[in-house]
Amino acid sequence: MIRWLAALLGSALLMGCVAAPPRDSLDRIAGDYVRMQLEIGEHEAGYIDAYYGPAEWQEAAKANRRSLEELTAEVANLSARTTAANEGLSPLEQRRRAFLLAQLKAAETRLRMRRGEKLSFVDEAEGLFAYRPELKELSTYDPLLARIERLVPGSGALADRVDAFQNRFTIPKERLQPVFDAAIGECKRRTLRHITLPPEENFTMEFVTGKSWSGYNWYKGNLTSLIQINTDLPIRISRAVDLGCHEGYPGHHVFNLLLEQRLVKERGWVEYSVYPLYSPQSFIAEGSANYGIDLAFPGEERLRYEAAALYPLAGLPTADAAKFLELDKAISELQGARFTIARDLLEGRISRDQAVALTRKYQLVSQARAEQLIKFTEEYRSYVINYGLGKDAVRNYIEAQGPSEEARWEAMERILSEPTLPSDLLVR
């Protein structure tokens, strides 16, 4: 009898082992994560910035999308599974797991917003982009305005004087193509000195109108991008290098193709085949793209290149090129005021008209440019922090690696090609 019970118990245990589900893995979780993100994208146009995974996953998301409530439950389920999948991971896999958890937190936050929950500006930014901004009162930027007054003396409103001076450096529409072709080519050449890119990578560029942004990179997969440049407003000569680096090299195009090449294709990490716009990935993308301008054109190199190559292509005189660039850099220090204005507008502290007026004053732009900036804020909300605060975080991390050009580019390449979160950029 005892032998029979022992045999029966052994058989039951063996059957239990066979029937037990396989241990969860990050690969399995990642596939479910991608499918879930695609379903969220079916509820919100523009939520998915890029996707180049299996076409059948996208088709399934369109055909069988779950409700916002069901997707919220799925985010919680995936978060629990990812938290539990913590055994035997290499350091890089631990970073992969942390990336998934942060992206899931962003998805949870966006779903809360889609379901009608009102968050403060800083809570929204932290939930979506894993970075809690510290905003300054607008009055703290007044000394900088006084400094800029000395750069552009005269009568009338400072914003009007700045705008009039900068308009002298507008690229004629018929010369936009050659100027941008040259600028992007130079950005690429400088990037290739330090980062090896696959020979088949490429992009196409086109000029568009009717957008709230000045430039956009639409990553298509297979190492290709579509770069669009908005011509609603006159484009000044400084924007050629800015957008060439930001949208192209070493910016968004390089960021996306390195993730595809090194994480999706080489490692099979499918979570990187989908890019949800409202996620920590955007903090890294925008911050690295903006700092990439300074990395590619350090010190006086930008002025020398623009004066020698781009000004002649645009048919512009170079007499005040140095002053134009100095003014451009001074204005960039006002970036933080944009975030404070965005907070006050989105939280209902100021009206839209007041936001436009304050944008004119603290961003030193025309009425039309102020309207475009506020339109962007209304559309993308706390996303605006990624440009300035993201750049600051990337710059602080990279420049902490030392003054060596080689060390800085190596740090940039790590940021662009490895699982990276805002917390990874903290200089300790």
Foldseek 3Di string as FASTA:
>chain_A
DVVVVVVVVVVVVVVVVVPDDDQDALLVLLVVVVLLQLLVCVVPPPQWLFFDDDPVSNVCSVVPRDDLVVSLVVLVVSLVSLVVNDPPDDPQVVLVSVQSNQQSQLVNLVSCVVVPDDDAQQVNLCSQAVDRDDADDLVVCVVLVVVVCVLQPDDDAQLVSLAVVQVLQFFPPVLVVVLLVVLLVLLVVLLCVADPDDPPAEEAEDEDEDALDQKDWRDHDPNYIYIYGYVNDTDGSVVSNLCSQCRHHPADSVLLRLQCVQPCVVPVSNSSSIDRCRGNVLLLRQQLSRLSSCLSQPDCNVLVCCQVPNCVSRVHDSPCSVSNVVSVVSLLVLLSVLLVLLSCDSVVVDDPVVSLVVCCNSNSHDSVNSVSSVVCCVVVPSSSCSNNVSNVLLVQQLCVLDDDSNSSSVSSSCSSNGSDGSVNSDDD
